[in-house]
Amino acid sequence: MLQPVREEISVSAFRDICIHFPGDVFLLAVWLVASNEAESTPTCKIFTTLSGLAHHFVSVYGFDGENALSASKVLSIFAAHNIVGNPSIKFDMNAESAATSRDTAVNVLSRLMP
């Protein structure tokens, strides 16, 4: 029996989305994909989906009673950026783009560090 082809989206699709600070969604997406690919991680998954990213973001964002954030609200922010469905998140397909995604994540982190 043939398995259905799973829709995929590149981490670079999240570069321009800002919920809490510039690059926040992109950094989390890169971290999750890298964690998924880490063979030494006992909790590694085959993939993280868009819904999974939204739930992880809410978990990392934490509780804010005045400005509550839910996974459905994060998914609606993604939808406003034309990211819909529940594709699995992957590094960019070609090696150059994947390296650029990792470098961009490092650059965003370095701007946040004092």
PDB file of N, CA and C in Angstrom:
ATOM      1  N   MET A   1       0.833  -1.180   0.000  1.00  0.00           N
ATOM      2  CA  MET A   1       0.000   0.000   0.000  1.00  0.00           C
ATOM      3  C   MET A   1       0.885   1.254   0.000  1.00  0.00           C
ATOM      4  N   LEU A   2       0.608   2.165  -0.887  1.00  0.00           N
ATOM      5  CA  LEU A   2       1.393   3.384  -1.000  1.00  0.00           C
ATOM      6  C   LEU A   2       1.026   4.371   0.108  1.00  0.00           C
ATOM      7  N   GLN A   3       2.052   4.993   0.668  1.00  0.00           N
ATOM      8  CA  GLN A   3       1.849   6.028   1.673  1.00  0.00           C
ATOM      9  C   GLN A   3       1.584   7.353   0.968  1.00  0.00           C
ATOM     10  N   PRO A   4       0.649   8.151   1.479  1.00  0.00           N
ATOM     11  CA  PRO A   4       0.424   9.456   0.861  1.00  0.00           C
ATOM     12  C   PRO A   4       1.650  10.344   1.036  1.00  0.00           C
ATOM     13  N   VAL A   5       1.899  11.194   0.066  1.00  0.00           N
ATOM     14  CA  VAL A   5       3.023  12.124   0.133  1.00  0.00           C
ATOM     15  C   VAL A   5       2.657  13.234   1.100  1.00  0.00           C
ATOM     16  N   ARG A   6       3.516  13.462   2.083  1.00  0.00           N
ATOM     17  CA  ARG A   6       3.275  14.502   3.084  1.00  0.00           C
ATOM     18  C   ARG A   6       3.742  15.840   2.530  1.00  0.00           C
ATOM     19  N   GLU A   7       2.888  16.826   2.675  1.00  0.00           N
ATOM     20  CA  GLU A   7       3.235  18.184   2.269  1.00  0.00           C
ATOM     21  C   GLU A   7       4.336  18.699   3.188  1.00  0.00           C
ATOM     22  N   GLU A   8       5.292  19.438   2.622  1.00  0.00           N
ATOM     23  CA  GLU A   8       6.402  19.978   3.395  1.00  0.00           C
ATOM     24  C   GLU A   8       6.519  21.479   3.176  1.00  0.00           C
ATOM     25  N   ILE A   9       7.096  22.160   4.170  1.00  0.00           N
ATOM     26  CA  ILE A   9       7.376  23.585   4.071  1.00  0.00           C
ATOM     27  C   ILE A   9       8.767  23.817   4.644  1.00  0.00           C
ATOM     28  N   SER A  10       9.481  24.745   4.051  1.00  0.00           N
ATOM     29  CA  SER A  10      10.839  25.051   4.478  1.00  0.00           C
ATOM     30  C   SER A  10      10.843  26.010   5.661  1.00  0.00           C
ATOM     31  N   VAL A  11      11.840  25.873   6.526  1.00  0.00           N
ATOM     32  CA  VAL A  11      11.959  26.795   7.660  1.00  0.00           C
ATOM     33  C   VAL A  11      12.078  28.242   7.201  1.00  0.00           C
ATOM     34  N   SER A  12      12.616  28.455   6.021  1.00  0.00           N
ATOM     35  CA  SER A  12      12.788  29.831   5.534  1.00  0.00           C
ATOM     36  C   SER A  12      11.452  30.553   5.353  1.00  0.00           C
ATOM     37  N   ALA A  13      10.359  29.810   5.264  1.00  0.00           N
ATOM     38  CA  ALA A  13       9.029  30.433   5.132  1.00  0.00           C
ATOM     39  C   ALA A  13       8.653  31.232   6.379  1.00  0.00           C
ATOM     40  N   PHE A  14       9.357  30.993   7.493  1.00  0.00           N
ATOM     41  CA  PHE A  14       9.024  31.648   8.761  1.00  0.00           C
ATOM     42  C   PHE A  14       9.919  32.844   9.083  1.00  0.00           C
ATOM     43  N   ARG A  15      10.841  33.169   8.177  1.00  0.00           N
ATOM     44  CA  ARG A  15      11.810  34.241   8.436  1.00  0.00           C
ATOM     45  C   ARG A  15      11.167  35.578   8.776  1.00  0.00           C
ATOM     46  N   ASP A  16      10.106  35.943   8.094  1.00  0.00           N
ATOM     47  CA  ASP A  16       9.527  37.281   8.254  1.00  0.00           C
ATOM     48  C   ASP A  16       8.343  37.331   9.209  1.00  0.00           C
ATOM     49  N   ILE A  17       8.094  36.247   9.927  1.00  0.00           N
ATOM     50  CA  ILE A  17       6.978  36.238  10.873  1.00  0.00           C
ATOM     51  C   ILE A  17       7.501  36.632  12.247  1.00  0.00           C
ATOM     52  N   CYS A  18       6.855  37.616  12.837  1.00  0.00           N
ATOM     53  CA  CYS A  18       7.255  38.104  14.153  1.00  0.00           C
ATOM     54  C   CYS A  18       6.032  38.092  15.059  1.00  0.00           C
ATOM     55  N   ILE A  19       6.104  37.340  16.145  1.00  0.00           N
ATOM     56  CA  ILE A  19       5.002  37.327  17.112  1.00  0.00           C
ATOM     57  C   ILE A  19       5.430  38.024  18.394  1.00  0.00           C
ATOM     58  N   HIS A  20       6.578  37.663  18.924  1.00  0.00           N
ATOM     59  CA  HIS A  20       7.060  38.253  20.173  1.00  0.00           C
ATOM     60  C   HIS A  20       8.280  39.143  19.936  1.00  0.00           C
ATOM     61  N   PHE A  21       9.188  38.710  19.059  1.00  0.00           N
ATOM     62  CA  PHE A  21      10.356  39.499  18.682  1.00  0.00           C
ATOM     63  C   PHE A  21      10.788  39.051  17.279  1.00  0.00           C
ATOM     64  N   PRO A  22      11.539  39.888  16.555  1.00  0.00           N
ATOM     65  CA  PRO A  22      11.945  39.534  15.187  1.00  0.00           C
ATOM     66  C   PRO A  22      12.723  38.212  15.144  1.00  0.00           C
ATOM     67  N   GLY A  23      12.264  37.311  14.288  1.00  0.00           N
ATOM     68  CA  GLY A  23      12.933  36.033  14.097  1.00  0.00           C
ATOM     69  C   GLY A  23      12.519  34.943  15.069  1.00  0.00           C
ATOM     70  N   ASP A  24      11.560  35.222  15.943  1.00  0.00           N
ATOM     71  CA  ASP A  24      11.191  34.251  16.968  1.00  0.00           C
ATOM     72  C   ASP A  24      10.647  32.942  16.401  1.00  0.00           C
ATOM     73  N   VAL A  25       9.753  33.006  15.467  1.00  0.00           N
ATOM     74  CA  VAL A  25       9.158  31.786  14.894  1.00  0.00           C
ATOM     75  C   VAL A  25      10.205  31.033  14.076  1.00  0.00           C
ATOM     76  N   PHE A  26      10.993  31.769  13.315  1.00  0.00           N
ATOM     77  CA  PHE A  26      12.052  31.164  12.503  1.00  0.00           C
ATOM     78  C   PHE A  26      13.057  30.414  13.381  1.00  0.00           C
ATOM     79  N   LEU A  27      13.488  31.043  14.466  1.00  0.00           N
ATOM     80  CA  LEU A  27      14.451  30.395  15.364  1.00  0.00           C
ATOM     81  C   LEU A  27      13.895  29.105  15.947  1.00  0.00           C
ATOM     82  N   LEU A  28      12.649  29.144  16.374  1.00  0.00           N
ATOM     83  CA  LEU A  28      12.043  27.947  16.936  1.00  0.00           C
ATOM     84  C   LEU A  28      11.900  26.869  15.864  1.00  0.00           C
ATOM     85  N   ALA A  29      11.519  27.256  14.663  1.00  0.00           N
ATOM     86  CA  ALA A  29      11.380  26.281  13.572  1.00  0.00           C
ATOM     87  C   ALA A  29      12.730  25.623  13.268  1.00  0.00           C
ATOM     88  N   VAL A  30      13.795  26.420  13.210  1.00  0.00           N
ATOM     89  CA  VAL A  30      15.130  25.867  12.955  1.00  0.00           C
ATOM     90  C   VAL A  30      15.520  24.917  14.082  1.00  0.00           C
ATOM     91  N   TRP A  31      15.269  25.317  15.331  1.00  0.00           N
ATOM     92  CA  TRP A  31      15.620  24.478  16.471  1.00  0.00           C
ATOM     93  C   TRP A  31      14.868  23.148  16.419  1.00  0.00           C
ATOM     94  N   LEU A  32      13.577  23.212  16.128  1.00  0.00           N
ATOM     95  CA  LEU A  32      12.775  21.984  16.079  1.00  0.00           C
ATOM     96  C   LEU A  32      13.236  21.048  14.970  1.00  0.00           C
ATOM     97  N   VAL A  33      13.514  21.604  13.784  1.00  0.00           N
ATOM     98  CA  VAL A  33      13.962  20.760  12.671  1.00  0.00           C
ATOM     99  C   VAL A  33      15.332  20.161  12.985  1.00  0.00           C
ATOM    100  N   ALA A  34      16.230  20.975  13.544  1.00  0.00           N
ATOM    101  CA  ALA A  34      17.555  20.453  13.905  1.00  0.00           C
ATOM    102  C   ALA A  34      17.424  19.369  14.967  1.00  0.00           C
ATOM    103  N   SER A  35      16.536  19.572  15.929  1.00  0.00           N
ATOM    104  CA  SER A  35      16.300  18.575  16.963  1.00  0.00           C
ATOM    105  C   SER A  35      15.725  17.295  16.359  1.00  0.00           C
ATOM    106  N   ASN A  36      14.824  17.445  15.403  1.00  0.00           N
ATOM    107  CA  ASN A  36      14.252  16.272  14.729  1.00  0.00           C
ATOM    108  C   ASN A  36      15.333  15.462  14.023  1.00  0.00           C
ATOM    109  N   GLU A  37      16.322  16.165  13.467  1.00  0.00           N
ATOM    110  CA  GLU A  37      17.363  15.494  12.698  1.00  0.00           C
ATOM    111  C   GLU A  37      18.497  14.947  13.556  1.00  0.00           C
ATOM    112  N   ALA A  38      18.540  15.329  14.827  1.00  0.00           N
ATOM    113  CA  ALA A  38      19.615  14.886  15.713  1.00  0.00           C
ATOM    114  C   ALA A  38      19.420  13.425  16.086  1.00  0.00           C
ATOM    115  N   GLU A  39      20.323  12.584  15.635  1.00  0.00           N
ATOM    116  CA  GLU A  39      20.214  11.156  15.909  1.00  0.00           C
ATOM    117  C   GLU A  39      20.425  10.845  17.377  1.00  0.00           C
ATOM    118  N   SER A  40      21.161  11.693  18.080  1.00  0.00           N
ATOM    119  CA  SER A  40      21.459  11.423  19.482  1.00  0.00           C
ATOM    120  C   SER A  40      20.343  11.857  20.421  1.00  0.00           C
ATOM    121  N   THR A  41      19.351  12.551  19.896  1.00  0.00           N
ATOM    122  CA  THR A  41      18.254  13.024  20.733  1.00  0.00           C
ATOM    123  C   THR A  41      17.267  11.891  20.962  1.00  0.00           C
ATOM    124  N   PRO A  42      17.092  11.474  22.216  1.00  0.00           N
ATOM    125  CA  PRO A  42      16.187  10.345  22.474  1.00  0.00           C
ATOM    126  C   PRO A  42      14.728  10.645  22.131  1.00  0.00           C
ATOM    127  N   THR A  43      14.364  11.910  22.085  1.00  0.00           N
ATOM    128  CA  THR A  43      12.981  12.257  21.774  1.00  0.00           C
ATOM    129  C   THR A  43      12.824  12.716  20.329  1.00  0.00           C
ATOM    130  N   CYS A  44      13.822  12.437  19.486  1.00  0.00           N
ATOM    131  CA  CYS A  44      13.748  12.927  18.114  1.00  0.00           C
ATOM    132  C   CYS A  44      12.506  12.377  17.414  1.00  0.00           C
ATOM    133  N   LYS A  45      11.944  13.205  16.573  1.00  0.00           N
ATOM    134  CA  LYS A  45      10.758  12.841  15.813  1.00  0.00           C
ATOM    135  C   LYS A  45      11.145  12.773  14.346  1.00  0.00           C
ATOM    136  N   ILE A  46      10.284  12.180  13.572  1.00  0.00           N
ATOM    137  CA  ILE A  46      10.522  12.139  12.142  1.00  0.00           C
ATOM    138  C   ILE A  46      10.340  13.531  11.551  1.00  0.00           C
ATOM    139  N   PHE A  47       9.364  14.262  12.057  1.00  0.00           N
ATOM    140  CA  PHE A  47       9.106  15.618  11.566  1.00  0.00           C
ATOM    141  C   PHE A  47       8.245  16.369  12.574  1.00  0.00           C
ATOM    142  N   THR A  48       8.253  17.685  12.455  1.00  0.00           N
ATOM    143  CA  THR A  48       7.353  18.555  13.211  1.00  0.00           C
ATOM    144  C   THR A  48       6.418  19.190  12.200  1.00  0.00           C
ATOM    145  N   THR A  49       5.151  19.262  12.526  1.00  0.00           N
ATOM    146  CA  THR A  49       4.168  19.857  11.626  1.00  0.00           C
ATOM    147  C   THR A  49       3.932  21.316  11.982  1.00  0.00           C
ATOM    148  N   LEU A  50       3.199  21.992  11.126  1.00  0.00           N
ATOM    149  CA  LEU A  50       2.840  23.387  11.369  1.00  0.00           C
ATOM    150  C   LEU A  50       2.076  23.514  12.678  1.00  0.00           C
ATOM    151  N   SER A  51       1.155  22.612  12.922  1.00  0.00           N
ATOM    152  CA  SER A  51       0.400  22.611  14.174  1.00  0.00           C
ATOM    153  C   SER A  51       1.330  22.393  15.368  1.00  0.00           C
ATOM    154  N   GLY A  52       2.280  21.491  15.209  1.00  0.00           N
ATOM    155  CA  GLY A  52       3.253  21.245  16.270  1.00  0.00           C
ATOM    156  C   GLY A  52       4.077  22.478  16.574  1.00  0.00           C
ATOM    157  N   LEU A  53       4.501  23.196  15.531  1.00  0.00           N
ATOM    158  CA  LEU A  53       5.254  24.443  15.710  1.00  0.00           C
ATOM    159  C   LEU A  53       4.414  25.453  16.483  1.00  0.00           C
ATOM    160  N   ALA A  54       3.147  25.571  16.131  1.00  0.00           N
ATOM    161  CA  ALA A  54       2.259  26.516  16.821  1.00  0.00           C
ATOM    162  C   ALA A  54       2.146  26.158  18.302  1.00  0.00           C
ATOM    163  N   HIS A  55       1.969  24.888  18.604  1.00  0.00           N
ATOM    164  CA  HIS A  55       1.858  24.454  20.001  1.00  0.00           C
ATOM    165  C   HIS A  55       3.172  24.676  20.764  1.00  0.00           C
ATOM    166  N   HIS A  56       4.293  24.377  20.108  1.00  0.00           N
ATOM    167  CA  HIS A  56       5.590  24.628  20.745  1.00  0.00           C
ATOM    168  C   HIS A  56       5.773  26.127  21.004  1.00  0.00           C
ATOM    169  N   PHE A  57       5.376  26.959  20.054  1.00  0.00           N
ATOM    170  CA  PHE A  57       5.538  28.405  20.230  1.00  0.00           C
ATOM    171  C   PHE A  57       4.746  28.889  21.440  1.00  0.00           C
ATOM    172  N   VAL A  58       3.517  28.424  21.572  1.00  0.00           N
ATOM    173  CA  VAL A  58       2.683  28.824  22.712  1.00  0.00           C
ATOM    174  C   VAL A  58       3.342  28.385  24.016  1.00  0.00           C
ATOM    175  N   SER A  59       3.890  27.185  24.024  1.00  0.00           N
ATOM    176  CA  SER A  59       4.549  26.663  25.217  1.00  0.00           C
ATOM    177  C   SER A  59       5.765  27.507  25.598  1.00  0.00           C
ATOM    178  N   VAL A  60       6.559  27.880  24.613  1.00  0.00           N
ATOM    179  CA  VAL A  60       7.757  28.686  24.856  1.00  0.00           C
ATOM    180  C   VAL A  60       7.380  30.122  25.226  1.00  0.00           C
ATOM    181  N   TYR A  61       6.343  30.642  24.602  1.00  0.00           N
ATOM    182  CA  TYR A  61       5.898  32.020  24.843  1.00  0.00           C
ATOM    183  C   TYR A  61       5.468  32.204  26.289  1.00  0.00           C
ATOM    184  N   GLY A  62       4.832  31.209  26.851  1.00  0.00           N
ATOM    185  CA  GLY A  62       4.413  31.273  28.245  1.00  0.00           C
ATOM    186  C   GLY A  62       3.065  31.946  28.417  1.00  0.00           C
ATOM    187  N   PHE A  63       2.630  31.995  29.652  1.00  0.00           N
ATOM    188  CA  PHE A  63       1.323  32.564  29.971  1.00  0.00           C
ATOM    189  C   PHE A  63       1.407  34.077  30.071  1.00  0.00           C
ATOM    190  N   ASP A  64       0.489  34.740  29.412  1.00  0.00           N
ATOM    191  CA  ASP A  64       0.361  36.188  29.491  1.00  0.00           C
ATOM    192  C   ASP A  64      -1.125  36.476  29.615  1.00  0.00           C
ATOM    193  N   GLY A  65      -1.577  36.736  30.825  1.00  0.00           N
ATOM    194  CA  GLY A  65      -3.005  36.909  31.091  1.00  0.00           C
ATOM    195  C   GLY A  65      -3.654  38.022  30.286  1.00  0.00           C
ATOM    196  N   GLU A  66      -2.918  39.092  30.014  1.00  0.00           N
ATOM    197  CA  GLU A  66      -3.490  40.225  29.278  1.00  0.00           C
ATOM    198  C   GLU A  66      -3.512  39.984  27.781  1.00  0.00           C
ATOM    199  N   ASN A  67      -2.549  39.229  27.289  1.00  0.00           N
ATOM    200  CA  ASN A  67      -2.440  38.997  25.848  1.00  0.00           C
ATOM    201  C   ASN A  67      -2.266  37.497  25.603  1.00  0.00           C
ATOM    202  N   ALA A  68      -3.290  36.730  25.951  1.00  0.00           N
ATOM    203  CA  ALA A  68      -3.210  35.275  25.850  1.00  0.00           C
ATOM    204  C   ALA A  68      -2.938  34.839  24.410  1.00  0.00           C
ATOM    205  N   LEU A  69      -2.079  33.854  24.286  1.00  0.00           N
ATOM    206  CA  LEU A  69      -1.726  33.328  22.974  1.00  0.00           C
ATOM    207  C   LEU A  69      -2.108  31.858  22.935  1.00  0.00           C
ATOM    208  N   SER A  70      -2.804  31.475  21.888  1.00  0.00           N
ATOM    209  CA  SER A  70      -3.208  30.081  21.715  1.00  0.00           C
ATOM    210  C   SER A  70      -2.622  29.551  20.413  1.00  0.00           C
ATOM    211  N   ALA A  71      -2.598  28.241  20.284  1.00  0.00           N
ATOM    212  CA  ALA A  71      -2.110  27.630  19.051  1.00  0.00           C
ATOM    213  C   ALA A  71      -2.962  28.065  17.862  1.00  0.00           C
ATOM    214  N   SER A  72      -4.274  28.201  18.068  1.00  0.00           N
ATOM    215  CA  SER A  72      -5.129  28.621  16.953  1.00  0.00           C
ATOM    216  C   SER A  72      -4.817  30.064  16.536  1.00  0.00           C
ATOM    217  N   LYS A  73      -4.447  30.909  17.503  1.00  0.00           N
ATOM    218  CA  LYS A  73      -4.061  32.280  17.162  1.00  0.00           C
ATOM    219  C   LYS A  73      -2.745  32.292  16.379  1.00  0.00           C
ATOM    220  N   VAL A  74      -1.801  31.443  16.787  1.00  0.00           N
ATOM    221  CA  VAL A  74      -0.532  31.340  16.050  1.00  0.00           C
ATOM    222  C   VAL A  74      -0.794  30.826  14.641  1.00  0.00           C
ATOM    223  N   LEU A  75      -1.652  29.819  14.514  1.00  0.00           N
ATOM    224  CA  LEU A  75      -1.980  29.298  13.181  1.00  0.00           C
ATOM    225  C   LEU A  75      -2.648  30.359  12.315  1.00  0.00           C
ATOM    226  N   SER A  76      -3.448  31.238  12.918  1.00  0.00           N
ATOM    227  CA  SER A  76      -4.067  32.312  12.133  1.00  0.00           C
ATOM    228  C   SER A  76      -3.015  33.335  11.693  1.00  0.00           C
ATOM    229  N   ILE A  77      -1.997  33.538  12.494  1.00  0.00           N
ATOM    230  CA  ILE A  77      -0.882  34.416  12.089  1.00  0.00           C
ATOM    231  C   ILE A  77      -0.149  33.786  10.917  1.00  0.00           C
ATOM    232  N   PHE A  78       0.083  32.467  10.995  1.00  0.00           N
ATOM    233  CA  PHE A  78       0.705  31.766   9.867  1.00  0.00           C
ATOM    234  C   PHE A  78      -0.160  31.908   8.615  1.00  0.00           C
ATOM    235  N   ALA A  79      -1.461  31.749   8.764  1.00  0.00           N
ATOM    236  CA  ALA A  79      -2.373  31.838   7.620  1.00  0.00           C
ATOM    237  C   ALA A  79      -2.320  33.225   6.987  1.00  0.00           C
ATOM    238  N   ALA A  80      -2.141  34.259   7.807  1.00  0.00           N
ATOM    239  CA  ALA A  80      -2.016  35.619   7.274  1.00  0.00           C
ATOM    240  C   ALA A  80      -0.761  35.772   6.418  1.00  0.00           C
ATOM    241  N   HIS A  81       0.192  34.852   6.596  1.00  0.00           N
ATOM    242  CA  HIS A  81       1.413  34.829   5.782  1.00  0.00           C
ATOM    243  C   HIS A  81       1.343  33.731   4.718  1.00  0.00           C
ATOM    244  N   ASN A  82       0.124  33.287   4.412  1.00  0.00           N
ATOM    245  CA  ASN A  82      -0.125  32.258   3.391  1.00  0.00           C
ATOM    246  C   ASN A  82       0.517  30.914   3.714  1.00  0.00           C
ATOM    247  N   ILE A  83       0.629  30.595   4.998  1.00  0.00           N
ATOM    248  CA  ILE A  83       1.131  29.297   5.426  1.00  0.00           C
ATOM    249  C   ILE A  83      -0.053  28.577   6.068  1.00  0.00           C
ATOM    250  N   VAL A  84      -0.588  27.605   5.349  1.00  0.00           N
ATOM    251  CA  VAL A  84      -1.808  26.927   5.789  1.00  0.00           C
ATOM    252  C   VAL A  84      -1.638  25.413   5.710  1.00  0.00           C
ATOM    253  N   GLY A  85      -2.641  24.704   6.184  1.00  0.00           N
ATOM    254  CA  GLY A  85      -2.599  23.246   6.191  1.00  0.00           C
ATOM    255  C   GLY A  85      -1.822  22.765   7.398  1.00  0.00           C
ATOM    256  N   ASN A  86      -1.244  21.592   7.283  1.00  0.00           N
ATOM    257  CA  ASN A  86      -0.425  21.051   8.364  1.00  0.00           C
ATOM    258  C   ASN A  86       0.810  20.353   7.794  1.00  0.00           C
ATOM    259  N   PRO A  87       1.586  21.109   6.987  1.00  0.00           N
ATOM    260  CA  PRO A  87       2.772  20.493   6.382  1.00  0.00           C
ATOM    261  C   PRO A  87       3.840  20.207   7.426  1.00  0.00           C
ATOM    262  N   SER A  88       4.714  19.274   7.111  1.00  0.00           N
ATOM    263  CA  SER A  88       5.867  19.043   7.974  1.00  0.00           C
ATOM    264  C   SER A  88       6.914  20.100   7.635  1.00  0.00           C
ATOM    265  N   ILE A  89       7.678  20.492   8.644  1.00  0.00           N
ATOM    266  CA  ILE A  89       8.675  21.560   8.487  1.00  0.00           C
ATOM    267  C   ILE A  89      10.039  20.918   8.285  1.00  0.00           C
ATOM    268  N   LYS A  90      10.737  21.368   7.272  1.00  0.00           N
ATOM    269  CA  LYS A  90      12.043  20.814   6.918  1.00  0.00           C
ATOM    270  C   LYS A  90      13.025  21.949   6.653  1.00  0.00           C
ATOM    271  N   PHE A  91      14.334  21.612   6.701  1.00  0.00           N
ATOM    272  CA  PHE A  91      15.318  22.578   6.245  1.00  0.00           C
ATOM    273  C   PHE A  91      15.122  22.760   4.750  1.00  0.00           C
ATOM    274  N   ASP A  92      15.610  23.860   4.210  1.00  0.00           N
ATOM    275  CA  ASP A  92      15.478  24.122   2.782  1.00  0.00           C
ATOM    276  C   ASP A  92      16.056  22.949   2.004  1.00  0.00           C
ATOM    277  N   MET A  93      15.496  22.717   0.829  1.00  0.00           N
ATOM    278  CA  MET A  93      15.826  21.526   0.060  1.00  0.00           C
ATOM    279  C   MET A  93      17.275  21.482  -0.421  1.00  0.00           C
ATOM    280  N   ASN A  94      17.817  22.608  -0.876  1.00  0.00           N
ATOM    281  CA  ASN A  94      19.196  22.546  -1.353  1.00  0.00           C
ATOM    282  C   ASN A  94      20.163  22.936  -0.234  1.00  0.00           C
ATOM    283  N   ALA A  95      21.377  22.456  -0.322  1.00  0.00           N
ATOM    284  CA  ALA A  95      22.365  22.628   0.751  1.00  0.00           C
ATOM    285  C   ALA A  95      22.667  24.091   1.020  1.00  0.00           C
ATOM    286  N   GLU A  96      22.724  24.905  -0.034  1.00  0.00           N
ATOM    287  CA  GLU A  96      23.032  26.328   0.144  1.00  0.00           C
ATOM    288  C   GLU A  96      21.937  27.015   0.958  1.00  0.00           C
ATOM    289  N   SER A  97      20.679  26.739   0.641  1.00  0.00           N
ATOM    290  CA  SER A  97      19.574  27.342   1.376  1.00  0.00           C
ATOM    291  C   SER A  97      19.530  26.852   2.812  1.00  0.00           C
ATOM    292  N   ALA A  98      19.836  25.571   3.027  1.00  0.00           N
ATOM    293  CA  ALA A  98      19.843  25.026   4.382  1.00  0.00           C
ATOM    294  C   ALA A  98      20.919  25.702   5.212  1.00  0.00           C
ATOM    295  N   ALA A  99      22.103  25.894   4.630  1.00  0.00           N
ATOM    296  CA  ALA A  99      23.184  26.576   5.342  1.00  0.00           C
ATOM    297  C   ALA A  99      22.786  28.016   5.640  1.00  0.00           C
ATOM    298  N   THR A 100      22.110  28.660   4.690  1.00  0.00           N
ATOM    299  CA  THR A 100      21.649  30.030   4.900  1.00  0.00           C
ATOM    300  C   THR A 100      20.648  30.090   6.045  1.00  0.00           C
ATOM    301  N   SER A 101      19.752  29.120   6.134  1.00  0.00           N
ATOM    302  CA  SER A 101      18.781  29.077   7.232  1.00  0.00           C
ATOM    303  C   SER A 101      19.489  28.965   8.569  1.00  0.00           C
ATOM    304  N   ARG A 102      20.474  28.093   8.641  1.00  0.00           N
ATOM    305  CA  ARG A 102      21.217  27.934   9.899  1.00  0.00           C
ATOM    306  C   ARG A 102      21.989  29.209  10.221  1.00  0.00           C
ATOM    307  N   ASP A 103      22.650  29.810   9.213  1.00  0.00           N
ATOM    308  CA  ASP A 103      23.405  31.047   9.432  1.00  0.00           C
ATOM    309  C   ASP A 103      22.483  32.181   9.866  1.00  0.00           C
ATOM    310  N   THR A 104      21.319  32.274   9.262  1.00  0.00           N
ATOM    311  CA  THR A 104      20.367  33.313   9.636  1.00  0.00           C
ATOM    312  C   THR A 104      19.931  33.135  11.078  1.00  0.00           C
ATOM    313  N   ALA A 105      19.701  31.909  11.496  1.00  0.00           N
ATOM    314  CA  ALA A 105      19.314  31.645  12.885  1.00  0.00           C
ATOM    315  C   ALA A 105      20.411  32.098  13.834  1.00  0.00           C
ATOM    316  N   VAL A 106      21.661  31.811  13.496  1.00  0.00           N
ATOM    317  CA  VAL A 106      22.785  32.238  14.333  1.00  0.00           C
ATOM    318  C   VAL A 106      22.863  33.758  14.375  1.00  0.00           C
ATOM    319  N   ASN A 107      22.649  34.414  13.225  1.00  0.00           N
ATOM    320  CA  ASN A 107      22.682  35.883  13.193  1.00  0.00           C
ATOM    321  C   ASN A 107      21.578  36.494  14.042  1.00  0.00           C
ATOM    322  N   VAL A 108      20.391  35.936  13.992  1.00  0.00           N
ATOM    323  CA  VAL A 108      19.282  36.452  14.802  1.00  0.00           C
ATOM    324  C   VAL A 108      19.629  36.285  16.281  1.00  0.00           C
ATOM    325  N   LEU A 109      20.149  35.128  16.647  1.00  0.00           N
ATOM    326  CA  LEU A 109      20.524  34.898  18.039  1.00  0.00           C
ATOM    327  C   LEU A 109      21.601  35.873  18.496  1.00  0.00           C
ATOM    328  N   SER A 110      22.575  36.118  17.635  1.00  0.00           N
ATOM    329  CA  SER A 110      23.674  37.019  18.036  1.00  0.00           C
ATOM    330  C   SER A 110      23.176  38.442  18.242  1.00  0.00           C
ATOM    331  N   ARG A 111      22.142  38.864  17.507  1.00  0.00           N
ATOM    332  CA  ARG A 111      21.577  40.190  17.715  1.00  0.00           C
ATOM    333  C   ARG A 111      20.818  40.282  19.037  1.00  0.00           C
ATOM    334  N   LEU A 112      20.302  39.168  19.513  1.00  0.00           N
ATOM    335  CA  LEU A 112      19.539  39.157  20.753  1.00  0.00           C
ATOM    336  C   LEU A 112      20.440  39.090  21.990  1.00  0.00           C
ATOM    337  N   MET A 113      21.649  38.572  21.805  1.00  0.00           N
ATOM    338  CA  MET A 113      22.561  38.430  22.928  1.00  0.00           C
ATOM    339  C   MET A 113      23.268  39.762  23.195  1.00  0.00           C
ATOM    340  N   PRO A 114      23.447  40.085  24.470  1.00  0.00           N
ATOM    341  CA  PRO A 114      24.146  41.348  24.804  1.00  0.00           C
ATOM    342  C   PRO A 114      25.617  41.275  24.484  1.00  0.00           C
TER     343      PRO A 114
END
